[in-house]
Amino acid sequence: MKPTQLALGVVLACAVACTSNESAAEPSFSLVRGTFEVKLNPQETDNPEAAAAGLMRMSLDKRYHGPLDATAQGEMMARGDGTDSGAYVAIEKVEGTLEGRRGSFALVHMGIMRGPTPEYWSVRVIPDSGTDELEGIEGKMTITIDESGHHYELQYQLP
């Protein structure tokens, strides 16, 4: 299997089979739901150490719909093929509006597979990454994928 197929396999296996195991919405946080599309583009491994470790890179290009009306770009690094143990990490910058408030913020993703079973998946707002009307945003996102597409739930708080 090619390295880019391995990376995509880890992400899709985790995304399809699990949702974030973060706790449910906290009382002081707002919760919004919507859909998104994502394009993953394979990137060349840029150093021999990463290639020797079996690491793969993909660029991310997303379009969020709903209360979060935004675009996002980022990068993912992964190891594993989605059928055995593996992991992925990613960072994306989200820019647009959240319930009418304009600005940007960054998300960090981490997913772990134990064998073919998703064990952990977390997507968090990076502290102090909010700009403009989203300055000070805190929160976490749950992503699910089903036959109808990609869905998000963003639990967030603004000062």
N, C-alpha and C. Protein backbone atom coordinates (compact mmCIF):
# COMPACT_ATOMS: atom_id res chain seq x y z
N MET A 1 0.85 -1.17 0.00
CA MET A 1 0.00 0.00 0.00
C MET A 1 0.89 1.24 0.00
N LYS A 2 0.52 2.25 -0.79
CA LYS A 2 1.30 3.49 -0.87
C LYS A 2 1.15 4.28 0.43
N PRO A 3 2.17 5.08 0.80
CA PRO A 3 2.08 5.86 2.03
C PRO A 3 0.85 6.76 2.11
N THR A 4 0.45 7.40 1.00
CA THR A 4 -0.72 8.27 1.08
C THR A 4 -1.99 7.48 1.31
N GLN A 5 -2.06 6.26 0.81
CA GLN A 5 -3.21 5.41 1.09
C GLN A 5 -3.24 5.02 2.55
N LEU A 6 -2.07 4.79 3.14
CA LEU A 6 -1.99 4.45 4.56
C LEU A 6 -2.52 5.59 5.41
N ALA A 7 -2.08 6.82 5.14
CA ALA A 7 -2.50 7.98 5.92
C ALA A 7 -4.00 8.19 5.80
N LEU A 8 -4.52 8.12 4.60
CA LEU A 8 -5.94 8.31 4.40
C LEU A 8 -6.72 7.20 5.09
N GLY A 9 -6.20 5.98 5.08
CA GLY A 9 -6.86 4.86 5.74
C GLY A 9 -7.01 5.08 7.23
N VAL A 10 -5.98 5.58 7.89
CA VAL A 10 -6.05 5.84 9.33
C VAL A 10 -7.12 6.87 9.62
N VAL A 11 -7.13 7.99 8.88
CA VAL A 11 -8.08 9.05 9.13
C VAL A 11 -9.50 8.58 8.86
N LEU A 12 -9.73 7.93 7.74
CA LEU A 12 -11.09 7.50 7.41
C LEU A 12 -11.58 6.43 8.36
N ALA A 13 -10.74 5.50 8.74
CA ALA A 13 -11.17 4.45 9.66
C ALA A 13 -11.57 5.07 11.00
N CYS A 14 -10.78 5.99 11.50
CA CYS A 14 -11.11 6.63 12.78
C CYS A 14 -12.35 7.49 12.62
N ALA A 15 -12.41 8.27 11.54
CA ALA A 15 -13.53 9.18 11.35
C ALA A 15 -14.85 8.46 11.16
N VAL A 16 -14.86 7.36 10.43
CA VAL A 16 -16.09 6.64 10.18
C VAL A 16 -16.53 5.87 11.42
N ALA A 17 -15.60 5.30 12.15
CA ALA A 17 -15.95 4.38 13.23
C ALA A 17 -16.07 5.03 14.59
N CYS A 18 -15.59 6.24 14.76
CA CYS A 18 -15.64 6.81 16.11
C CYS A 18 -16.05 8.26 16.07
N THR A 19 -16.48 8.73 17.22
CA THR A 19 -16.68 10.14 17.42
C THR A 19 -15.78 10.53 18.57
N SER A 20 -15.57 11.80 18.73
CA SER A 20 -14.73 12.26 19.82
C SER A 20 -15.23 11.69 21.12
N ASN A 21 -14.30 11.25 21.98
CA ASN A 21 -14.74 10.74 23.28
C ASN A 21 -14.58 11.80 24.35
N GLU A 22 -14.64 13.07 23.93
CA GLU A 22 -14.65 14.17 24.87
C GLU A 22 -16.02 14.18 25.57
N SER A 23 -16.11 14.84 26.70
CA SER A 23 -17.37 14.87 27.45
C SER A 23 -18.44 15.68 26.71
N ALA A 24 -19.68 15.50 27.13
CA ALA A 24 -20.81 16.20 26.52
C ALA A 24 -20.73 17.70 26.81
N ALA A 25 -21.60 18.46 26.17
CA ALA A 25 -21.58 19.92 26.29
C ALA A 25 -21.62 20.36 27.75
N GLU A 26 -20.75 21.31 28.05
CA GLU A 26 -20.73 21.89 29.39
C GLU A 26 -21.74 23.03 29.43
N PRO A 27 -22.36 23.29 30.58
CA PRO A 27 -23.45 24.26 30.66
C PRO A 27 -23.12 25.66 30.13
N SER A 28 -21.90 26.15 30.30
CA SER A 28 -21.58 27.51 29.89
C SER A 28 -21.14 27.61 28.43
N PHE A 29 -21.16 26.51 27.71
CA PHE A 29 -20.72 26.50 26.33
C PHE A 29 -21.93 26.46 25.39
N SER A 30 -21.78 27.10 24.22
CA SER A 30 -22.79 27.00 23.16
C SER A 30 -22.47 25.79 22.30
N LEU A 31 -23.48 25.21 21.68
CA LEU A 31 -23.30 24.05 20.82
C LEU A 31 -23.94 24.33 19.48
N VAL A 32 -23.16 24.22 18.38
CA VAL A 32 -23.69 24.39 17.04
C VAL A 32 -23.37 23.15 16.22
N ARG A 33 -24.23 22.88 15.22
CA ARG A 33 -24.07 21.70 14.38
C ARG A 33 -24.16 22.10 12.92
N GLY A 34 -23.43 21.36 12.08
CA GLY A 34 -23.50 21.61 10.65
C GLY A 34 -22.78 20.52 9.89
N THR A 35 -22.49 20.80 8.63
CA THR A 35 -21.82 19.85 7.76
C THR A 35 -20.55 20.48 7.20
N PHE A 36 -19.71 19.64 6.61
CA PHE A 36 -18.53 20.15 5.93
C PHE A 36 -18.07 19.18 4.86
N GLU A 37 -17.30 19.71 3.92
CA GLU A 37 -16.60 18.90 2.93
C GLU A 37 -15.12 19.06 3.18
N VAL A 38 -14.35 18.02 2.87
CA VAL A 38 -12.90 18.08 3.04
C VAL A 38 -12.22 17.44 1.85
N LYS A 39 -11.14 18.07 1.41
CA LYS A 39 -10.28 17.51 0.37
C LYS A 39 -8.93 17.24 1.02
N LEU A 40 -8.45 16.00 0.90
CA LEU A 40 -7.13 15.62 1.40
C LEU A 40 -6.21 15.45 0.19
N ASN A 41 -5.08 16.13 0.21
CA ASN A 41 -4.13 16.03 -0.89
C ASN A 41 -2.80 15.50 -0.38
N PRO A 42 -2.32 14.38 -0.93
CA PRO A 42 -1.04 13.81 -0.50
C PRO A 42 0.10 14.81 -0.69
N GLN A 43 1.01 14.84 0.27
CA GLN A 43 2.20 15.68 0.21
C GLN A 43 3.42 14.76 0.26
N GLU A 44 4.49 15.19 -0.35
CA GLU A 44 5.73 14.41 -0.33
C GLU A 44 6.34 14.43 1.06
N THR A 45 6.85 13.28 1.50
CA THR A 45 7.62 13.24 2.75
C THR A 45 8.90 14.01 2.48
N ASP A 46 9.22 14.99 3.33
CA ASP A 46 10.32 15.90 3.02
C ASP A 46 11.64 15.59 3.72
N ASN A 47 11.71 14.44 4.43
CA ASN A 47 12.99 14.09 5.05
C ASN A 47 13.06 12.58 5.23
N PRO A 48 14.27 12.03 5.21
CA PRO A 48 14.43 10.57 5.30
C PRO A 48 13.98 9.99 6.64
N GLU A 49 14.08 10.77 7.70
CA GLU A 49 13.66 10.27 9.02
C GLU A 49 12.15 10.01 9.05
N ALA A 50 11.38 10.93 8.48
CA ALA A 50 9.92 10.74 8.44
C ALA A 50 9.55 9.55 7.56
N ALA A 51 10.23 9.41 6.44
CA ALA A 51 9.96 8.27 5.55
C ALA A 51 10.31 6.96 6.26
N ALA A 52 11.44 6.93 6.96
CA ALA A 52 11.85 5.71 7.67
C ALA A 52 10.87 5.34 8.78
N ALA A 53 10.21 6.35 9.37
CA ALA A 53 9.23 6.10 10.44
C ALA A 53 7.86 5.74 9.88
N GLY A 54 7.69 5.77 8.56
CA GLY A 54 6.40 5.44 7.95
C GLY A 54 5.36 6.53 8.09
N LEU A 55 5.81 7.79 8.21
CA LEU A 55 4.89 8.91 8.37
C LEU A 55 4.45 9.44 7.01
N MET A 56 3.19 9.82 6.91
CA MET A 56 2.64 10.38 5.70
C MET A 56 2.04 11.75 6.01
N ARG A 57 2.05 12.64 5.00
CA ARG A 57 1.50 13.99 5.15
C ARG A 57 0.40 14.22 4.13
N MET A 58 -0.62 14.97 4.54
CA MET A 58 -1.71 15.35 3.64
C MET A 58 -2.06 16.81 3.94
N SER A 59 -2.34 17.60 2.89
CA SER A 59 -2.88 18.94 3.12
C SER A 59 -4.39 18.81 3.23
N LEU A 60 -5.00 19.71 3.99
CA LEU A 60 -6.45 19.73 4.22
C LEU A 60 -7.03 21.00 3.63
N ASP A 61 -8.15 20.87 2.95
CA ASP A 61 -8.90 22.01 2.43
C ASP A 61 -10.37 21.73 2.75
N LYS A 62 -10.97 22.55 3.63
CA LYS A 62 -12.32 22.28 4.11
C LYS A 62 -13.26 23.45 3.83
N ARG A 63 -14.56 23.11 3.78
CA ARG A 63 -15.61 24.11 3.69
C ARG A 63 -16.70 23.72 4.69
N TYR A 64 -16.89 24.56 5.72
CA TYR A 64 -17.90 24.33 6.76
C TYR A 64 -19.20 25.05 6.39
N HIS A 65 -20.35 24.42 6.69
CA HIS A 65 -21.68 24.99 6.43
C HIS A 65 -22.49 24.96 7.72
N GLY A 66 -23.41 25.90 7.84
CA GLY A 66 -24.26 25.97 9.01
C GLY A 66 -23.88 27.16 9.86
N PRO A 67 -24.07 27.07 11.19
CA PRO A 67 -23.72 28.18 12.07
C PRO A 67 -22.22 28.55 11.97
N LEU A 68 -21.39 27.57 11.63
CA LEU A 68 -19.99 27.82 11.31
C LEU A 68 -19.93 27.86 9.79
N ASP A 69 -19.82 29.06 9.23
CA ASP A 69 -19.77 29.26 7.78
C ASP A 69 -18.36 29.72 7.47
N ALA A 70 -17.52 28.75 7.09
CA ALA A 70 -16.09 29.06 7.03
C ALA A 70 -15.34 28.14 6.08
N THR A 71 -14.12 28.54 5.78
CA THR A 71 -13.18 27.67 5.06
C THR A 71 -12.03 27.38 6.02
N ALA A 72 -11.31 26.32 5.73
CA ALA A 72 -10.17 25.96 6.58
C ALA A 72 -9.10 25.30 5.72
N GLN A 73 -7.87 25.57 6.08
CA GLN A 73 -6.73 24.92 5.46
C GLN A 73 -5.82 24.41 6.57
N GLY A 74 -5.12 23.31 6.28
CA GLY A 74 -4.23 22.76 7.29
C GLY A 74 -3.41 21.62 6.76
N GLU A 75 -2.81 20.90 7.69
CA GLU A 75 -1.97 19.76 7.33
C GLU A 75 -2.14 18.65 8.35
N MET A 76 -2.05 17.41 7.85
CA MET A 76 -2.19 16.23 8.67
C MET A 76 -0.95 15.36 8.51
N MET A 77 -0.56 14.71 9.59
CA MET A 77 0.49 13.69 9.55
C MET A 77 -0.11 12.43 10.15
N ALA A 78 0.16 11.27 9.53
CA ALA A 78 -0.45 10.03 9.99
C ALA A 78 0.53 8.86 9.86
N ARG A 79 0.22 7.81 10.62
CA ARG A 79 0.93 6.54 10.54
C ARG A 79 -0.08 5.43 10.73
N GLY A 80 -0.06 4.43 9.84
CA GLY A 80 -0.99 3.31 9.89
C GLY A 80 -1.84 3.28 8.65
N ASP A 81 -2.53 2.16 8.44
CA ASP A 81 -3.32 2.01 7.22
C ASP A 81 -4.82 1.94 7.46
N GLY A 82 -5.28 2.18 8.68
CA GLY A 82 -6.70 2.15 8.97
C GLY A 82 -7.23 0.77 9.31
N THR A 83 -6.42 -0.27 9.13
CA THR A 83 -6.85 -1.62 9.49
C THR A 83 -6.07 -2.15 10.68
N ASP A 84 -4.94 -1.50 11.00
CA ASP A 84 -4.17 -1.88 12.17
C ASP A 84 -3.91 -0.63 13.01
N SER A 85 -3.17 -0.75 14.07
CA SER A 85 -2.94 0.39 14.97
C SER A 85 -2.25 1.52 14.22
N GLY A 86 -2.66 2.72 14.55
CA GLY A 86 -2.09 3.91 13.91
C GLY A 86 -2.59 5.16 14.61
N ALA A 87 -2.21 6.30 14.04
CA ALA A 87 -2.60 7.57 14.63
C ALA A 87 -2.51 8.68 13.59
N TYR A 88 -3.19 9.79 13.89
CA TYR A 88 -3.02 10.98 13.07
C TYR A 88 -3.07 12.21 13.95
N VAL A 89 -2.41 13.26 13.49
CA VAL A 89 -2.49 14.58 14.10
C VAL A 89 -2.69 15.57 12.96
N ALA A 90 -3.37 16.66 13.23
CA ALA A 90 -3.58 17.68 12.21
C ALA A 90 -3.81 19.02 12.89
N ILE A 91 -3.49 20.07 12.15
CA ILE A 91 -3.79 21.44 12.57
C ILE A 91 -4.42 22.14 11.39
N GLU A 92 -5.51 22.86 11.65
CA GLU A 92 -6.17 23.62 10.60
C GLU A 92 -6.53 25.00 11.11
N LYS A 93 -6.47 26.00 10.21
CA LYS A 93 -6.92 27.35 10.51
C LYS A 93 -8.29 27.52 9.87
N VAL A 94 -9.29 27.88 10.69
CA VAL A 94 -10.67 28.06 10.26
C VAL A 94 -10.93 29.56 10.18
N GLU A 95 -11.46 30.02 9.04
CA GLU A 95 -11.71 31.45 8.86
C GLU A 95 -13.08 31.66 8.24
N GLY A 96 -13.90 32.53 8.90
CA GLY A 96 -15.24 32.81 8.39
C GLY A 96 -16.09 33.41 9.49
N THR A 97 -17.33 32.90 9.62
CA THR A 97 -18.22 33.39 10.68
C THR A 97 -18.74 32.23 11.51
N LEU A 98 -18.92 32.50 12.79
CA LEU A 98 -19.51 31.55 13.73
C LEU A 98 -20.69 32.27 14.36
N GLU A 99 -21.88 31.81 14.01
CA GLU A 99 -23.12 32.46 14.46
C GLU A 99 -23.06 33.97 14.24
N GLY A 100 -22.59 34.37 13.05
CA GLY A 100 -22.54 35.78 12.66
C GLY A 100 -21.32 36.55 13.11
N ARG A 101 -20.48 35.95 13.94
CA ARG A 101 -19.25 36.63 14.41
C ARG A 101 -18.10 36.27 13.47
N ARG A 102 -17.45 37.29 12.91
CA ARG A 102 -16.39 37.09 11.93
C ARG A 102 -15.03 36.98 12.61
N GLY A 103 -14.20 36.08 12.08
CA GLY A 103 -12.83 35.93 12.58
C GLY A 103 -12.27 34.58 12.18
N SER A 104 -11.23 34.20 12.89
CA SER A 104 -10.60 32.90 12.63
C SER A 104 -10.16 32.28 13.95
N PHE A 105 -9.89 30.98 13.90
CA PHE A 105 -9.33 30.25 15.03
C PHE A 105 -8.69 28.99 14.46
N ALA A 106 -7.90 28.33 15.28
CA ALA A 106 -7.21 27.12 14.83
C ALA A 106 -7.68 25.92 15.64
N LEU A 107 -7.72 24.76 14.97
CA LEU A 107 -8.08 23.50 15.60
C LEU A 107 -6.90 22.54 15.55
N VAL A 108 -6.74 21.73 16.60
CA VAL A 108 -5.76 20.65 16.61
C VAL A 108 -6.52 19.34 16.76
N HIS A 109 -6.17 18.36 15.92
CA HIS A 109 -6.81 17.04 15.92
C HIS A 109 -5.81 15.99 16.40
N MET A 110 -6.31 14.96 17.07
CA MET A 110 -5.50 13.79 17.39
C MET A 110 -6.41 12.58 17.43
N GLY A 111 -6.05 11.55 16.68
CA GLY A 111 -6.81 10.31 16.68
C GLY A 111 -5.89 9.12 16.83
N ILE A 112 -6.34 8.10 17.58
CA ILE A 112 -5.54 6.90 17.81
C ILE A 112 -6.41 5.67 17.53
N MET A 113 -5.82 4.72 16.80
CA MET A 113 -6.46 3.44 16.53
C MET A 113 -5.67 2.36 17.27
N ARG A 114 -6.38 1.43 17.90
CA ARG A 114 -5.75 0.23 18.48
C ARG A 114 -6.29 -0.93 17.66
N GLY A 115 -5.40 -1.49 16.81
CA GLY A 115 -5.88 -2.45 15.82
C GLY A 115 -6.84 -1.71 14.91
N PRO A 116 -7.92 -2.35 14.51
CA PRO A 116 -8.87 -1.66 13.64
C PRO A 116 -9.92 -0.85 14.41
N THR A 117 -9.77 -0.75 15.74
CA THR A 117 -10.78 -0.09 16.57
C THR A 117 -10.33 1.30 17.00
N PRO A 118 -11.14 2.33 16.70
CA PRO A 118 -10.82 3.68 17.18
C PRO A 118 -10.81 3.70 18.71
N GLU A 119 -9.76 4.26 19.27
CA GLU A 119 -9.64 4.32 20.73
C GLU A 119 -9.85 5.73 21.26
N TYR A 120 -9.42 6.73 20.50
CA TYR A 120 -9.48 8.10 20.99
C TYR A 120 -9.50 9.05 19.80
N TRP A 121 -10.31 10.11 19.91
CA TRP A 121 -10.32 11.14 18.88
C TRP A 121 -10.65 12.45 19.55
N SER A 122 -9.80 13.44 19.40
CA SER A 122 -10.01 14.74 20.02
C SER A 122 -9.76 15.84 18.99
N VAL A 123 -10.64 16.83 18.96
CA VAL A 123 -10.47 18.03 18.14
C VAL A 123 -10.74 19.20 19.07
N ARG A 124 -9.71 20.02 19.29
CA ARG A 124 -9.82 21.14 20.24
C ARG A 124 -9.45 22.46 19.58
N VAL A 125 -10.07 23.54 20.06
CA VAL A 125 -9.66 24.88 19.65
C VAL A 125 -8.32 25.17 20.33
N ILE A 126 -7.36 25.64 19.56
CA ILE A 126 -6.05 25.98 20.12
C ILE A 126 -6.20 27.27 20.92
N PRO A 127 -5.79 27.26 22.20
CA PRO A 127 -5.93 28.47 23.03
C PRO A 127 -5.26 29.68 22.39
N ASP A 128 -5.91 30.83 22.55
CA ASP A 128 -5.41 32.12 22.07
C ASP A 128 -5.27 32.21 20.55
N SER A 129 -5.94 31.30 19.81
CA SER A 129 -5.85 31.36 18.34
C SER A 129 -6.95 32.19 17.71
N GLY A 130 -7.97 32.59 18.46
CA GLY A 130 -9.09 33.36 17.91
C GLY A 130 -8.70 34.77 17.54
N THR A 131 -9.28 35.27 16.44
CA THR A 131 -9.02 36.64 15.99
C THR A 131 -10.34 37.40 15.84
N ASP A 132 -10.25 38.71 15.77
CA ASP A 132 -11.38 39.60 15.52
C ASP A 132 -12.53 39.29 16.48
N GLU A 133 -13.74 39.05 15.99
CA GLU A 133 -14.89 38.81 16.86
C GLU A 133 -14.87 37.43 17.51
N LEU A 134 -13.90 36.59 17.14
CA LEU A 134 -13.74 35.26 17.75
C LEU A 134 -12.54 35.21 18.70
N GLU A 135 -12.00 36.37 19.03
CA GLU A 135 -10.87 36.42 19.96
C GLU A 135 -11.30 35.86 21.31
N GLY A 136 -10.48 34.99 21.88
CA GLY A 136 -10.76 34.38 23.17
C GLY A 136 -11.59 33.11 23.09
N ILE A 137 -11.91 32.64 21.88
CA ILE A 137 -12.73 31.43 21.74
C ILE A 137 -12.03 30.23 22.38
N GLU A 138 -12.83 29.41 23.03
CA GLU A 138 -12.39 28.13 23.58
C GLU A 138 -13.40 27.09 23.14
N GLY A 139 -12.96 25.85 23.02
CA GLY A 139 -13.93 24.83 22.70
C GLY A 139 -13.35 23.55 22.14
N LYS A 140 -14.28 22.69 21.70
CA LYS A 140 -13.90 21.42 21.12
C LYS A 140 -14.94 21.03 20.08
N MET A 141 -14.51 20.17 19.17
CA MET A 141 -15.37 19.77 18.06
C MET A 141 -15.49 18.25 18.03
N THR A 142 -16.67 17.78 17.71
CA THR A 142 -16.91 16.36 17.45
C THR A 142 -17.22 16.22 15.97
N ILE A 143 -16.59 15.27 15.32
CA ILE A 143 -16.81 15.02 13.90
C ILE A 143 -17.38 13.62 13.74
N THR A 144 -18.41 13.51 12.92
CA THR A 144 -18.94 12.20 12.57
C THR A 144 -19.07 12.13 11.05
N ILE A 145 -18.93 10.93 10.52
CA ILE A 145 -19.08 10.70 9.09
C ILE A 145 -20.04 9.53 8.93
N ASP A 146 -21.07 9.73 8.11
CA ASP A 146 -22.00 8.66 7.82
C ASP A 146 -22.34 8.69 6.34
N GLU A 147 -23.32 7.91 5.95
CA GLU A 147 -23.66 7.82 4.53
C GLU A 147 -24.12 9.15 3.94
N SER A 148 -24.58 10.08 4.77
CA SER A 148 -25.02 11.38 4.26
C SER A 148 -23.91 12.42 4.19
N GLY A 149 -22.73 12.12 4.75
CA GLY A 149 -21.60 13.06 4.65
C GLY A 149 -20.89 13.30 5.96
N HIS A 150 -20.15 14.42 6.00
CA HIS A 150 -19.36 14.82 7.17
C HIS A 150 -20.18 15.81 8.00
N HIS A 151 -20.18 15.61 9.32
CA HIS A 151 -20.94 16.46 10.23
C HIS A 151 -20.04 16.91 11.38
N TYR A 152 -20.29 18.13 11.88
CA TYR A 152 -19.54 18.62 13.04
C TYR A 152 -20.51 19.08 14.10
N GLU A 153 -20.04 19.01 15.34
CA GLU A 153 -20.67 19.67 16.48
C GLU A 153 -19.56 20.47 17.13
N LEU A 154 -19.73 21.77 17.22
CA LEU A 154 -18.73 22.62 17.85
C LEU A 154 -19.31 23.16 19.15
N GLN A 155 -18.66 22.79 20.24
CA GLN A 155 -19.00 23.28 21.57
C GLN A 155 -18.00 24.39 21.85
N TYR A 156 -18.49 25.62 22.06
CA TYR A 156 -17.56 26.73 22.20
C TYR A 156 -18.05 27.74 23.22
N GLN A 157 -17.10 28.58 23.62
CA GLN A 157 -17.38 29.67 24.56
C GLN A 157 -16.57 30.87 24.13
N LEU A 158 -17.18 32.04 24.18
CA LEU A 158 -16.49 33.30 23.92
C LEU A 158 -16.56 34.18 25.15
N PRO A 159 -15.55 35.00 25.39
CA PRO A 159 -15.59 35.87 26.59
C PRO A 159 -16.71 36.89 26.52
